[in-house]
């Protein structure tokens, strides 16, 4: 049974996770996608990258995920922001998404947001 406190992971593009972004909030539930650059088995920290932007992922709560550098991964979890504005995603779900067209995925995220914005505005009127 799911916890009532868990929120769905909002899809974000890594370059959107900067301190001035509305998505850069302590505890925000996010879904991020990128290419695995490194994975440290001892600390269970993965680093994913999309273009020139990277994000650390704490994977200690994940089971049955095999990590391969240069493969595409998607993670859902909560954003933890340290005092120096360094962000790390505390992953609760992770999966390999090799074969996913990352550019097309990003386009779909933007189109989905436009649709949701229109839907919200029509409900207000």
PDB file of N, CA and C in Angstrom:
ATOM      1  N   UNK A   1       0.845  -1.166   0.000  1.00  0.00           N
ATOM      2  CA  UNK A   1       0.000   0.000   0.000  1.00  0.00           C
ATOM      3  C   UNK A   1       0.896   1.238   0.000  1.00  0.00           C
ATOM      4  N   UNK A   2       0.557   2.206  -0.854  1.00  0.00           N
ATOM      5  CA  UNK A   2       1.370   3.408  -0.985  1.00  0.00           C
ATOM      6  C   UNK A   2       1.141   4.350   0.192  1.00  0.00           C
ATOM      7  N   UNK A   3       2.187   5.037   0.543  1.00  0.00           N
ATOM      8  CA  UNK A   3       2.097   6.020   1.615  1.00  0.00           C
ATOM      9  C   UNK A   3       1.322   7.236   1.120  1.00  0.00           C
ATOM     10  N   UNK A   4       0.481   7.798   1.967  1.00  0.00           N
ATOM     11  CA  UNK A   4      -0.300   8.970   1.591  1.00  0.00           C
ATOM     12  C   UNK A   4       0.599  10.183   1.366  1.00  0.00           C
ATOM     13  N   UNK A   5       1.808  10.166   1.911  1.00  0.00           N
ATOM     14  CA  UNK A   5       2.711  11.292   1.774  1.00  0.00           C
ATOM     15  C   UNK A   5       3.520  11.307   0.489  1.00  0.00           C
ATOM     16  N   UNK A   6       3.523  10.218  -0.265  1.00  0.00           N
ATOM     17  CA  UNK A   6       4.299  10.166  -1.502  1.00  0.00           C
ATOM     18  C   UNK A   6       3.592  10.919  -2.612  1.00  0.00           C
ATOM     19  N   UNK A   7       4.344  11.746  -3.290  1.00  0.00           N
ATOM     20  CA  UNK A   7       3.796  12.492  -4.416  1.00  0.00           C
ATOM     21  C   UNK A   7       4.394  11.935  -5.699  1.00  0.00           C
ATOM     22  N   UNK A   8       3.681  12.099  -6.811  1.00  0.00           N
ATOM     23  CA  UNK A   8       4.230  11.615  -8.079  1.00  0.00           C
ATOM     24  C   UNK A   8       5.457  12.436  -8.469  1.00  0.00           C
ATOM     25  N   UNK A   9       6.383  11.802  -9.163  1.00  0.00           N
ATOM     26  CA  UNK A   9       7.573  12.501  -9.621  1.00  0.00           C
ATOM     27  C   UNK A   9       7.258  13.366 -10.828  1.00  0.00           C
ATOM     28  N   UNK A  10       7.422  14.664 -10.685  1.00  0.00           N
ATOM     29  CA  UNK A  10       7.175  15.598 -11.782  1.00  0.00           C
ATOM     30  C   UNK A  10       8.345  15.508 -12.756  1.00  0.00           C
ATOM     31  N   UNK A  11       8.062  15.246 -14.041  1.00  0.00           N
ATOM     32  CA  UNK A  11       9.166  15.164 -15.007  1.00  0.00           C
ATOM     33  C   UNK A  11       9.864  16.513 -15.164  1.00  0.00           C
ATOM     34  N   UNK A  12      11.185  16.507 -15.020  1.00  0.00           N
ATOM     35  CA  UNK A  12      11.978  17.717 -15.229  1.00  0.00           C
ATOM     36  C   UNK A  12      13.183  17.382 -16.091  1.00  0.00           C
ATOM     37  N   UNK A  13      13.662  18.394 -16.773  1.00  0.00           N
ATOM     38  CA  UNK A  13      14.885  18.300 -17.560  1.00  0.00           C
ATOM     39  C   UNK A  13      16.011  18.780 -16.646  1.00  0.00           C
ATOM     40  N   UNK A  14      17.143  18.107 -16.674  1.00  0.00           N
ATOM     41  CA  UNK A  14      18.224  18.440 -15.729  1.00  0.00           C
ATOM     42  C   UNK A  14      18.607  19.912 -15.753  1.00  0.00           C
ATOM     43  N   UNK A  15      18.629  20.527 -16.913  1.00  0.00           N
ATOM     44  CA  UNK A  15      19.051  21.933 -16.971  1.00  0.00           C
ATOM     45  C   UNK A  15      18.069  22.867 -16.256  1.00  0.00           C
ATOM     46  N   UNK A  16      16.866  22.364 -15.941  1.00  0.00           N
ATOM     47  CA  UNK A  16      15.890  23.169 -15.205  1.00  0.00           C
ATOM     48  C   UNK A  16      16.172  23.188 -13.705  1.00  0.00           C
ATOM     49  N   UNK A  17      17.029  22.311 -13.245  1.00  0.00           N
ATOM     50  CA  UNK A  17      17.298  22.221 -11.805  1.00  0.00           C
ATOM     51  C   UNK A  17      18.424  23.162 -11.393  1.00  0.00           C
ATOM     52  N   UNK A  18      18.113  24.430 -11.403  1.00  0.00           N
ATOM     53  CA  UNK A  18      19.048  25.440 -10.926  1.00  0.00           C
ATOM     54  C   UNK A  18      18.368  26.183  -9.782  1.00  0.00           C
ATOM     55  N   UNK A  19      19.142  26.803  -8.909  1.00  0.00           N
ATOM     56  CA  UNK A  19      18.563  27.423  -7.713  1.00  0.00           C
ATOM     57  C   UNK A  19      17.414  28.404  -7.978  1.00  0.00           C
ATOM     58  N   UNK A  20      17.389  29.058  -9.133  1.00  0.00           N
ATOM     59  CA  UNK A  20      16.319  30.025  -9.411  1.00  0.00           C
ATOM     60  C   UNK A  20      15.045  29.365  -9.941  1.00  0.00           C
ATOM     61  N   UNK A  21      15.093  28.087 -10.212  1.00  0.00           N
ATOM     62  CA  UNK A  21      13.945  27.378 -10.784  1.00  0.00           C
ATOM     63  C   UNK A  21      12.883  27.095  -9.726  1.00  0.00           C
ATOM     64  N   UNK A  22      11.618  27.118 -10.139  1.00  0.00           N
ATOM     65  CA  UNK A  22      10.522  26.788  -9.215  1.00  0.00           C
ATOM     66  C   UNK A  22      10.544  25.313  -8.834  1.00  0.00           C
ATOM     67  N   UNK A  23      11.252  24.493  -9.596  1.00  0.00           N
ATOM     68  CA  UNK A  23      11.339  23.061  -9.305  1.00  0.00           C
ATOM     69  C   UNK A  23      12.467  22.727  -8.334  1.00  0.00           C
ATOM     70  N   UNK A  24      13.333  23.693  -8.076  1.00  0.00           N
ATOM     71  CA  UNK A  24      14.481  23.505  -7.190  1.00  0.00           C
ATOM     72  C   UNK A  24      14.033  23.783  -5.761  1.00  0.00           C
ATOM     73  N   UNK A  25      13.304  22.814  -5.190  1.00  0.00           N
ATOM     74  CA  UNK A  25      12.767  22.964  -3.836  1.00  0.00           C
ATOM     75  C   UNK A  25      13.134  21.754  -3.003  1.00  0.00           C
ATOM     76  N   UNK A  26      13.431  22.006  -1.748  1.00  0.00           N
ATOM     77  CA  UNK A  26      13.732  20.924  -0.806  1.00  0.00           C
ATOM     78  C   UNK A  26      12.554  19.949  -0.746  1.00  0.00           C
ATOM     79  N   UNK A  27      12.823  18.675  -0.974  1.00  0.00           N
ATOM     80  CA  UNK A  27      11.786  17.657  -0.879  1.00  0.00           C
ATOM     81  C   UNK A  27      10.899  17.512  -2.094  1.00  0.00           C
ATOM     82  N   UNK A  28      11.154  18.283  -3.151  1.00  0.00           N
ATOM     83  CA  UNK A  28      10.329  18.174  -4.361  1.00  0.00           C
ATOM     84  C   UNK A  28      10.431  16.764  -4.927  1.00  0.00           C
ATOM     85  N   UNK A  29       9.299  16.208  -5.306  1.00  0.00           N
ATOM     86  CA  UNK A  29       9.266  14.873  -5.893  1.00  0.00           C
ATOM     87  C   UNK A  29       9.420  15.017  -7.406  1.00  0.00           C
ATOM     88  N   UNK A  30      10.522  14.498  -7.939  1.00  0.00           N
ATOM     89  CA  UNK A  30      10.881  14.721  -9.337  1.00  0.00           C
ATOM     90  C   UNK A  30      11.169  13.417 -10.064  1.00  0.00           C
ATOM     91  N   UNK A  31      11.011  13.478 -11.395  1.00  0.00           N
ATOM     92  CA  UNK A  31      11.450  12.390 -12.272  1.00  0.00           C
ATOM     93  C   UNK A  31      12.507  12.984 -13.199  1.00  0.00           C
ATOM     94  N   UNK A  32      13.718  12.448 -13.141  1.00  0.00           N
ATOM     95  CA  UNK A  32      14.828  12.955 -13.946  1.00  0.00           C
ATOM     96  C   UNK A  32      15.353  11.849 -14.852  1.00  0.00           C
ATOM     97  N   UNK A  33      15.881  12.269 -15.985  1.00  0.00           N
ATOM     98  CA  UNK A  33      16.396  11.326 -16.970  1.00  0.00           C
ATOM     99  C   UNK A  33      17.739  11.832 -17.467  1.00  0.00           C
ATOM    100  N   UNK A  34      18.694  10.922 -17.620  1.00  0.00           N
ATOM    101  CA  UNK A  34      19.997  11.307 -18.138  1.00  0.00           C
ATOM    102  C   UNK A  34      20.877  10.101 -18.374  1.00  0.00           C
ATOM    103  N   UNK A  35      22.065  10.372 -18.852  1.00  0.00           N
ATOM    104  CA  UNK A  35      23.046   9.334 -19.140  1.00  0.00           C
ATOM    105  C   UNK A  35      23.953   9.147 -17.929  1.00  0.00           C
ATOM    106  N   UNK A  36      24.144   7.906 -17.517  1.00  0.00           N
ATOM    107  CA  UNK A  36      24.976   7.619 -16.348  1.00  0.00           C
ATOM    108  C   UNK A  36      26.440   7.900 -16.669  1.00  0.00           C
ATOM    109  N   UNK A  37      27.021   8.835 -15.921  1.00  0.00           N
ATOM    110  CA  UNK A  37      28.428   9.179 -16.100  1.00  0.00           C
ATOM    111  C   UNK A  37      29.319   8.388 -15.157  1.00  0.00           C
ATOM    112  N   UNK A  38      28.836   8.167 -13.934  1.00  0.00           N
ATOM    113  CA  UNK A  38      29.635   7.410 -12.969  1.00  0.00           C
ATOM    114  C   UNK A  38      28.721   6.814 -11.911  1.00  0.00           C
ATOM    115  N   UNK A  39      29.260   5.774 -11.260  1.00  0.00           N
ATOM    116  CA  UNK A  39      28.536   5.143 -10.159  1.00  0.00           C
ATOM    117  C   UNK A  39      29.557   4.645  -9.152  1.00  0.00           C
ATOM    118  N   UNK A  40      29.403   5.079  -7.898  1.00  0.00           N
ATOM    119  CA  UNK A  40      30.282   4.651  -6.820  1.00  0.00           C
ATOM    120  C   UNK A  40      29.539   3.616  -5.984  1.00  0.00           C
ATOM    121  N   UNK A  41      30.000   2.383  -6.027  1.00  0.00           N
ATOM    122  CA  UNK A  41      29.337   1.285  -5.329  1.00  0.00           C
ATOM    123  C   UNK A  41      29.338   1.509  -3.819  1.00  0.00           C
ATOM    124  N   UNK A  42      30.441   1.997  -3.267  1.00  0.00           N
ATOM    125  CA  UNK A  42      30.554   2.170  -1.815  1.00  0.00           C
ATOM    126  C   UNK A  42      29.567   3.199  -1.264  1.00  0.00           C
ATOM    127  N   UNK A  43      29.414   4.320  -1.952  1.00  0.00           N
ATOM    128  CA  UNK A  43      28.509   5.370  -1.471  1.00  0.00           C
ATOM    129  C   UNK A  43      27.114   5.263  -2.078  1.00  0.00           C
ATOM    130  N   UNK A  44      26.956   4.423  -3.100  1.00  0.00           N
ATOM    131  CA  UNK A  44      25.689   4.262  -3.836  1.00  0.00           C
ATOM    132  C   UNK A  44      25.255   5.567  -4.501  1.00  0.00           C
ATOM    133  N   UNK A  45      26.244   6.371  -4.905  1.00  0.00           N
ATOM    134  CA  UNK A  45      25.958   7.634  -5.583  1.00  0.00           C
ATOM    135  C   UNK A  45      26.232   7.476  -7.076  1.00  0.00           C
ATOM    136  N   UNK A  46      25.192   7.782  -7.855  1.00  0.00           N
ATOM    137  CA  UNK A  46      25.310   7.797  -9.311  1.00  0.00           C
ATOM    138  C   UNK A  46      25.320   9.254  -9.757  1.00  0.00           C
ATOM    139  N   UNK A  47      25.945   9.516 -10.881  1.00  0.00           N
ATOM    140  CA  UNK A  47      25.908  10.850 -11.474  1.00  0.00           C
ATOM    141  C   UNK A  47      25.361  10.691 -12.881  1.00  0.00           C
ATOM    142  N   UNK A  48      24.228  11.368 -13.144  1.00  0.00           N
ATOM    143  CA  UNK A  48      23.683  11.357 -14.494  1.00  0.00           C
ATOM    144  C   UNK A  48      23.917  12.719 -15.119  1.00  0.00           C
ATOM    145  N   UNK A  49      23.936  12.727 -16.441  1.00  0.00           N
ATOM    146  CA  UNK A  49      24.230  13.952 -17.170  1.00  0.00           C
ATOM    147  C   UNK A  49      23.292  14.071 -18.354  1.00  0.00           C
ATOM    148  N   UNK A  50      22.928  15.315 -18.654  1.00  0.00           N
ATOM    149  CA  UNK A  50      22.160  15.637 -19.853  1.00  0.00           C
ATOM    150  C   UNK A  50      22.778  16.904 -20.411  1.00  0.00           C
ATOM    151  N   UNK A  51      23.467  16.772 -21.527  1.00  0.00           N
ATOM    152  CA  UNK A  51      24.211  17.908 -22.058  1.00  0.00           C
ATOM    153  C   UNK A  51      25.346  18.246 -21.120  1.00  0.00           C
ATOM    154  N   UNK A  52      25.409  19.504 -20.693  1.00  0.00           N
ATOM    155  CA  UNK A  52      26.493  19.934 -19.800  1.00  0.00           C
ATOM    156  C   UNK A  52      26.074  19.935 -18.330  1.00  0.00           C
ATOM    157  N   UNK A  53      24.864  19.489 -18.040  1.00  0.00           N
ATOM    158  CA  UNK A  53      24.339  19.524 -16.675  1.00  0.00           C
ATOM    159  C   UNK A  53      24.337  18.120 -16.084  1.00  0.00           C
ATOM    160  N   UNK A  54      24.768  18.024 -14.826  1.00  0.00           N
ATOM    161  CA  UNK A  54      24.773  16.718 -14.165  1.00  0.00           C
ATOM    162  C   UNK A  54      24.053  16.815 -12.822  1.00  0.00           C
ATOM    163  N   UNK A  55      23.652  15.653 -12.307  1.00  0.00           N
ATOM    164  CA  UNK A  55      22.952  15.577 -11.030  1.00  0.00           C
ATOM    165  C   UNK A  55      23.376  14.306 -10.321  1.00  0.00           C
ATOM    166  N   UNK A  56      23.627  14.431  -9.012  1.00  0.00           N
ATOM    167  CA  UNK A  56      23.941  13.255  -8.200  1.00  0.00           C
ATOM    168  C   UNK A  56      22.640  12.575  -7.790  1.00  0.00           C
ATOM    169  N   UNK A  57      22.677  11.244  -7.806  1.00  0.00           N
ATOM    170  CA  UNK A  57      21.528  10.431  -7.428  1.00  0.00           C
ATOM    171  C   UNK A  57      21.957   9.490  -6.311  1.00  0.00           C
ATOM    172  N   UNK A  58      21.264   9.551  -5.176  1.00  0.00           N
ATOM    173  CA  UNK A  58      21.510   8.615  -4.079  1.00  0.00           C
ATOM    174  C   UNK A  58      20.652   7.380  -4.351  1.00  0.00           C
ATOM    175  N   UNK A  59      21.304   6.251  -4.628  1.00  0.00           N
ATOM    176  CA  UNK A  59      20.593   5.036  -5.046  1.00  0.00           C
ATOM    177  C   UNK A  59      20.506   3.981  -3.946  1.00  0.00           C
ATOM    178  N   UNK A  60      20.816   4.342  -2.709  1.00  0.00           N
ATOM    179  CA  UNK A  60      20.892   3.315  -1.660  1.00  0.00           C
ATOM    180  C   UNK A  60      19.564   2.608  -1.406  1.00  0.00           C
ATOM    181  N   UNK A  61      18.438   3.217  -1.767  1.00  0.00           N
ATOM    182  CA  UNK A  61      17.133   2.586  -1.557  1.00  0.00           C
ATOM    183  C   UNK A  61      16.676   1.730  -2.735  1.00  0.00           C
ATOM    184  N   UNK A  62      17.473   1.664  -3.788  1.00  0.00           N
ATOM    185  CA  UNK A  62      17.077   0.913  -4.983  1.00  0.00           C
ATOM    186  C   UNK A  62      17.563  -0.519  -4.908  1.00  0.00           C
ATOM    187  N   UNK A  63      16.783  -1.403  -5.478  1.00  0.00           N
ATOM    188  CA  UNK A  63      17.141  -2.822  -5.568  1.00  0.00           C
ATOM    189  C   UNK A  63      17.019  -3.262  -7.018  1.00  0.00           C
ATOM    190  N   UNK A  64      17.798  -4.235  -7.389  1.00  0.00           N
ATOM    191  CA  UNK A  64      17.707  -4.859  -8.713  1.00  0.00           C
ATOM    192  C   UNK A  64      17.879  -3.887  -9.876  1.00  0.00           C
ATOM    193  N   UNK A  65      18.752  -2.899  -9.707  1.00  0.00           N
ATOM    194  CA  UNK A  65      19.093  -1.999 -10.807  1.00  0.00           C
ATOM    195  C   UNK A  65      20.576  -2.177 -11.078  1.00  0.00           C
ATOM    196  N   UNK A  66      20.901  -2.564 -12.300  1.00  0.00           N
ATOM    197  CA  UNK A  66      22.306  -2.704 -12.706  1.00  0.00           C
ATOM    198  C   UNK A  66      22.736  -1.410 -13.376  1.00  0.00           C
ATOM    199  N   UNK A  67      23.853  -0.871 -12.940  1.00  0.00           N
ATOM    200  CA  UNK A  67      24.316   0.402 -13.484  1.00  0.00           C
ATOM    201  C   UNK A  67      25.449   0.192 -14.479  1.00  0.00           C
ATOM    202  N   UNK A  68      25.282   0.801 -15.666  1.00  0.00           N
ATOM    203  CA  UNK A  68      26.292   0.765 -16.725  1.00  0.00           C
ATOM    204  C   UNK A  68      26.533   2.193 -17.201  1.00  0.00           C
ATOM    205  N   UNK A  69      27.782   2.626 -17.146  1.00  0.00           N
ATOM    206  CA  UNK A  69      28.083   3.975 -17.614  1.00  0.00           C
ATOM    207  C   UNK A  69      27.714   4.095 -19.084  1.00  0.00           C
ATOM    208  N   UNK A  70      27.331   5.306 -19.454  1.00  0.00           N
ATOM    209  CA  UNK A  70      26.900   5.672 -20.804  1.00  0.00           C
ATOM    210  C   UNK A  70      25.552   5.082 -21.194  1.00  0.00           C
ATOM    211  N   UNK A  71      24.842   4.483 -20.246  1.00  0.00           N
ATOM    212  CA  UNK A  71      23.475   4.040 -20.482  1.00  0.00           C
ATOM    213  C   UNK A  71      22.525   5.105 -19.947  1.00  0.00           C
ATOM    214  N   UNK A  72      21.312   5.136 -20.481  1.00  0.00           N
ATOM    215  CA  UNK A  72      20.307   6.109 -20.055  1.00  0.00           C
ATOM    216  C   UNK A  72      19.507   5.543 -18.882  1.00  0.00           C
ATOM    217  N   UNK A  73      19.252   6.404 -17.890  1.00  0.00           N
ATOM    218  CA  UNK A  73      18.492   6.011 -16.706  1.00  0.00           C
ATOM    219  C   UNK A  73      17.470   7.084 -16.365  1.00  0.00           C
ATOM    220  N   UNK A  74      16.406   6.632 -15.723  1.00  0.00           N
ATOM    221  CA  UNK A  74      15.378   7.537 -15.225  1.00  0.00           C
ATOM    222  C   UNK A  74      15.172   7.221 -13.744  1.00  0.00           C
ATOM    223  N   UNK A  75      15.083   8.275 -12.949  1.00  0.00           N
ATOM    224  CA  UNK A  75      14.916   8.120 -11.505  1.00  0.00           C
ATOM    225  C   UNK A  75      13.753   8.977 -11.019  1.00  0.00           C
ATOM    226  N   UNK A  76      13.027   8.449 -10.053  1.00  0.00           N
ATOM    227  CA  UNK A  76      11.986   9.205  -9.362  1.00  0.00           C
ATOM    228  C   UNK A  76      12.384   9.247  -7.893  1.00  0.00           C
ATOM    229  N   UNK A  77      12.329  10.444  -7.325  1.00  0.00           N
ATOM    230  CA  UNK A  77      12.693  10.582  -5.924  1.00  0.00           C
ATOM    231  C   UNK A  77      12.531  12.004  -5.443  1.00  0.00           C
ATOM    232  N   UNK A  78      13.047  12.251  -4.257  1.00  0.00           N
ATOM    233  CA  UNK A  78      12.917  13.558  -3.625  1.00  0.00           C
ATOM    234  C   UNK A  78      14.245  14.305  -3.673  1.00  0.00           C
ATOM    235  N   UNK A  79      14.145  15.592  -3.963  1.00  0.00           N
ATOM    236  CA  UNK A  79      15.324  16.436  -4.091  1.00  0.00           C
ATOM    237  C   UNK A  79      15.781  16.908  -2.715  1.00  0.00           C
ATOM    238  N   UNK A  80      17.042  16.676  -2.428  1.00  0.00           N
ATOM    239  CA  UNK A  80      17.655  17.174  -1.197  1.00  0.00           C
ATOM    240  C   UNK A  80      18.640  18.267  -1.591  1.00  0.00           C
ATOM    241  N   UNK A  81      18.508  19.426  -0.969  1.00  0.00           N
ATOM    242  CA  UNK A  81      19.373  20.557  -1.301  1.00  0.00           C
ATOM    243  C   UNK A  81      20.238  20.862  -0.094  1.00  0.00           C
ATOM    244  N   UNK A  82      21.529  20.813  -0.313  1.00  0.00           N
ATOM    245  CA  UNK A  82      22.483  21.094   0.768  1.00  0.00           C
ATOM    246  C   UNK A  82      22.665  22.601   0.925  1.00  0.00           C
ATOM    247  N   UNK A  83      23.346  22.997   1.992  1.00  0.00           N
ATOM    248  CA  UNK A  83      23.536  24.420   2.300  1.00  0.00           C
ATOM    249  C   UNK A  83      24.230  25.177   1.171  1.00  0.00           C
ATOM    250  N   UNK A  84      25.101  24.499   0.423  1.00  0.00           N
ATOM    251  CA  UNK A  84      25.817  25.161  -0.673  1.00  0.00           C
ATOM    252  C   UNK A  84      25.044  25.103  -1.991  1.00  0.00           C
ATOM    253  N   UNK A  85      23.745  24.800  -1.939  1.00  0.00           N
ATOM    254  CA  UNK A  85      22.861  24.670  -3.100  1.00  0.00           C
ATOM    255  C   UNK A  85      23.200  23.488  -3.992  1.00  0.00           C
ATOM    256  N   UNK A  86      23.988  22.540  -3.474  1.00  0.00           N
ATOM    257  CA  UNK A  86      24.223  21.320  -4.236  1.00  0.00           C
ATOM    258  C   UNK A  86      23.010  20.416  -4.048  1.00  0.00           C
ATOM    259  N   UNK A  87      22.495  19.917  -5.157  1.00  0.00           N
ATOM    260  CA  UNK A  87      21.297  19.075  -5.113  1.00  0.00           C
ATOM    261  C   UNK A  87      21.671  17.614  -5.311  1.00  0.00           C
ATOM    262  N   UNK A  88      20.923  16.748  -4.642  1.00  0.00           N
ATOM    263  CA  UNK A  88      21.066  15.310  -4.822  1.00  0.00           C
ATOM    264  C   UNK A  88      19.658  14.723  -4.758  1.00  0.00           C
ATOM    265  N   UNK A  89      19.363  13.828  -5.668  1.00  0.00           N
ATOM    266  CA  UNK A  89      18.050  13.195  -5.691  1.00  0.00           C
ATOM    267  C   UNK A  89      18.105  11.902  -4.897  1.00  0.00           C
ATOM    268  N   UNK A  90      17.251  11.786  -3.889  1.00  0.00           N
ATOM    269  CA  UNK A  90      17.130  10.563  -3.085  1.00  0.00           C
ATOM    270  C   UNK A  90      16.159   9.661  -3.841  1.00  0.00           C
ATOM    271  N   UNK A  91      16.706   8.753  -4.650  1.00  0.00           N
ATOM    272  CA  UNK A  91      15.872   7.948  -5.551  1.00  0.00           C
ATOM    273  C   UNK A  91      15.087   6.879  -4.810  1.00  0.00           C
ATOM    274  N   UNK A  92      13.827   6.730  -5.193  1.00  0.00           N
ATOM    275  CA  UNK A  92      13.009   5.624  -4.690  1.00  0.00           C
ATOM    276  C   UNK A  92      12.661   4.659  -5.810  1.00  0.00           C
ATOM    277  N   UNK A  93      12.806   5.114  -7.052  1.00  0.00           N
ATOM    278  CA  UNK A  93      12.595   4.270  -8.230  1.00  0.00           C
ATOM    279  C   UNK A  93      13.690   4.600  -9.231  1.00  0.00           C
ATOM    280  N   UNK A  94      14.225   3.580  -9.866  1.00  0.00           N
ATOM    281  CA  UNK A  94      15.219   3.781 -10.910  1.00  0.00           C
ATOM    282  C   UNK A  94      15.074   2.713 -11.969  1.00  0.00           C
ATOM    283  N   UNK A  95      15.296   3.100 -13.206  1.00  0.00           N
ATOM    284  CA  UNK A  95      15.222   2.124 -14.293  1.00  0.00           C
ATOM    285  C   UNK A  95      16.111   2.546 -15.448  1.00  0.00           C
ATOM    286  N   UNK A  96      16.568   1.544 -16.167  1.00  0.00           N
ATOM    287  CA  UNK A  96      17.344   1.772 -17.374  1.00  0.00           C
ATOM    288  C   UNK A  96      16.366   2.116 -18.489  1.00  0.00           C
ATOM    289  N   UNK A  97      16.670   3.162 -19.242  1.00  0.00           N
ATOM    290  CA  UNK A  97      15.805   3.569 -20.351  1.00  0.00           C
ATOM    291  C   UNK A  97      16.602   3.656 -21.648  1.00  0.00           C
ATOM    292  N   UNK A  98      17.578   2.755 -21.809  1.00  0.00           N
ATOM    293  CA  UNK A  98      18.290   2.695 -23.083  1.00  0.00           C
ATOM    294  C   UNK A  98      17.261   2.513 -24.192  1.00  0.00           C
ATOM    295  N   UNK A  99      17.462   3.186 -25.283  1.00  0.00           N
ATOM    296  CA  UNK A  99      16.512   3.111 -26.386  1.00  0.00           C
ATOM    297  C   UNK A  99      15.541   4.280 -26.389  1.00  0.00           C
ATOM    298  N   UNK A 100      15.440   4.982 -25.269  1.00  0.00           N
ATOM    299  CA  UNK A 100      14.581   6.163 -25.198  1.00  0.00           C
ATOM    300  C   UNK A 100      15.273   7.302 -25.937  1.00  0.00           C
ATOM    301  N   UNK A 101      14.571   7.941 -26.849  1.00  0.00           N
ATOM    302  CA  UNK A 101      15.096   9.106 -27.553  1.00  0.00           C
ATOM    303  C   UNK A 101      14.997  10.286 -26.585  1.00  0.00           C
ATOM    304  N   UNK A 102      16.121  10.691 -26.008  1.00  0.00           N
ATOM    305  CA  UNK A 102      16.108  11.721 -24.965  1.00  0.00           C
ATOM    306  C   UNK A 102      15.614  13.068 -25.480  1.00  0.00           C
ATOM    307  N   UNK A 103      15.934  13.412 -26.734  1.00  0.00           N
ATOM    308  CA  UNK A 103      15.446  14.677 -27.293  1.00  0.00           C
ATOM    309  C   UNK A 103      13.933  14.657 -27.449  1.00  0.00           C
ATOM    310  N   UNK A 104      13.404  13.555 -27.956  1.00  0.00           N
ATOM    311  CA  UNK A 104      11.957  13.421 -28.104  1.00  0.00           C
ATOM    312  C   UNK A 104      11.276  13.415 -26.739  1.00  0.00           C
ATOM    313  N   UNK A 105      11.898  12.773 -25.761  1.00  0.00           N
ATOM    314  CA  UNK A 105      11.348  12.760 -24.402  1.00  0.00           C
ATOM    315  C   UNK A 105      11.252  14.183 -23.853  1.00  0.00           C
ATOM    316  N   UNK A 106      12.309  14.977 -24.053  1.00  0.00           N
ATOM    317  CA  UNK A 106      12.292  16.358 -23.567  1.00  0.00           C
ATOM    318  C   UNK A 106      11.184  17.158 -24.239  1.00  0.00           C
ATOM    319  N   UNK A 107      11.008  16.957 -25.540  1.00  0.00           N
ATOM    320  CA  UNK A 107       9.926  17.646 -26.250  1.00  0.00           C
ATOM    321  C   UNK A 107       8.573  17.263 -25.662  1.00  0.00           C
ATOM    322  N   UNK A 108       8.404  15.982 -25.352  1.00  0.00           N
ATOM    323  CA  UNK A 108       7.121  15.529 -24.799  1.00  0.00           C
ATOM    324  C   UNK A 108       6.866  16.132 -23.418  1.00  0.00           C
ATOM    325  N   UNK A 109       7.919  16.331 -22.636  1.00  0.00           N
ATOM    326  CA  UNK A 109       7.763  16.970 -21.320  1.00  0.00           C
ATOM    327  C   UNK A 109       7.241  18.392 -21.494  1.00  0.00           C
ATOM    328  N   UNK A 110       7.798  19.137 -22.445  1.00  0.00           N
ATOM    329  CA  UNK A 110       7.361  20.516 -22.670  1.00  0.00           C
ATOM    330  C   UNK A 110       5.926  20.563 -23.205  1.00  0.00           C
ATOM    331  N   UNK A 111       5.585  19.659 -24.118  1.00  0.00           N
ATOM    332  CA  UNK A 111       4.222  19.613 -24.663  1.00  0.00           C
ATOM    333  C   UNK A 111       3.225  19.257 -23.561  1.00  0.00           C
ATOM    334  N   UNK A 112       3.591  18.322 -22.715  1.00  0.00           N
ATOM    335  CA  UNK A 112       2.711  17.936 -21.597  1.00  0.00           C
ATOM    336  C   UNK A 112       2.457  19.123 -20.681  1.00  0.00           C
ATOM    337  N   UNK A 113       3.500  19.893 -20.391  1.00  0.00           N
ATOM    338  CA  UNK A 113       3.328  21.063 -19.526  1.00  0.00           C
ATOM    339  C   UNK A 113       2.391  22.085 -20.156  1.00  0.00           C
ATOM    340  N   UNK A 114       2.540  22.304 -21.467  1.00  0.00           N
ATOM    341  CA  UNK A 114       1.653  23.241 -22.156  1.00  0.00           C
ATOM    342  C   UNK A 114       0.203  22.781 -22.045  1.00  0.00           C
ATOM    343  N   UNK A 115      -0.010  21.493 -22.257  1.00  0.00           N
ATOM    344  CA  UNK A 115      -1.358  20.934 -22.159  1.00  0.00           C
ATOM    345  C   UNK A 115      -1.915  21.101 -20.744  1.00  0.00           C
ATOM    346  N   UNK A 116      -1.108  20.771 -19.738  1.00  0.00           N
ATOM    347  CA  UNK A 116      -1.568  20.892 -18.352  1.00  0.00           C
ATOM    348  C   UNK A 116      -1.862  22.345 -17.985  1.00  0.00           C
ATOM    349  N   UNK A 117      -1.048  23.283 -18.491  1.00  0.00           N
ATOM    350  CA  UNK A 117      -1.298  24.704 -18.237  1.00  0.00           C
ATOM    351  C   UNK A 117      -2.627  25.137 -18.851  1.00  0.00           C
ATOM    352  N   UNK A 118      -2.881  24.710 -20.098  1.00  0.00           N
ATOM    353  CA  UNK A 118      -4.152  25.043 -20.755  1.00  0.00           C
ATOM    354  C   UNK A 118      -5.327  24.434 -19.997  1.00  0.00           C
ATOM    355  N   UNK A 119      -5.168  23.202 -19.566  1.00  0.00           N
ATOM    356  CA  UNK A 119      -6.229  22.522 -18.827  1.00  0.00           C
ATOM    357  C   UNK A 119      -6.542  23.259 -17.525  1.00  0.00           C
ATOM    358  N   UNK A 120      -5.498  23.669 -16.812  1.00  0.00           N
ATOM    359  CA  UNK A 120      -5.708  24.416 -15.564  1.00  0.00           C
ATOM    360  C   UNK A 120      -6.395  25.757 -15.826  1.00  0.00           C
ATOM    361  N   UNK A 121      -6.002  26.438 -16.889  1.00  0.00           N
ATOM    362  CA  UNK A 121      -6.595  27.752 -17.170  1.00  0.00           C
ATOM    363  C   UNK A 121      -8.057  27.622 -17.585  1.00  0.00           C
ATOM    364  N   UNK A 122      -8.434  26.562 -18.292  1.00  0.00           N
ATOM    365  CA  UNK A 122      -9.841  26.392 -18.669  1.00  0.00           C
ATOM    366  C   UNK A 122     -10.688  26.002 -17.465  1.00  0.00           C
ATOM    367  N   UNK A 123     -10.108  25.331 -16.505  1.00  0.00           N
ATOM    368  CA  UNK A 123     -10.862  24.957 -15.299  1.00  0.00           C
ATOM    369  C   UNK A 123     -11.119  26.163 -14.407  1.00  0.00           C
ATOM    370  N   UNK A 124     -10.253  27.167 -14.500  1.00  0.00           N
ATOM    371  CA  UNK A 124     -10.429  28.372 -13.683  1.00  0.00           C
ATOM    372  C   UNK A 124     -11.529  29.270 -14.229  1.00  0.00           C
ATOM    373  N   UNK A 125     -11.784  29.182 -15.525  1.00  0.00           N
ATOM    374  CA  UNK A 125     -12.774  30.087 -16.134  1.00  0.00           C
ATOM    375  C   UNK A 125     -14.153  29.505 -16.126  1.00  0.00           C
TER     376      UNK A 125
END
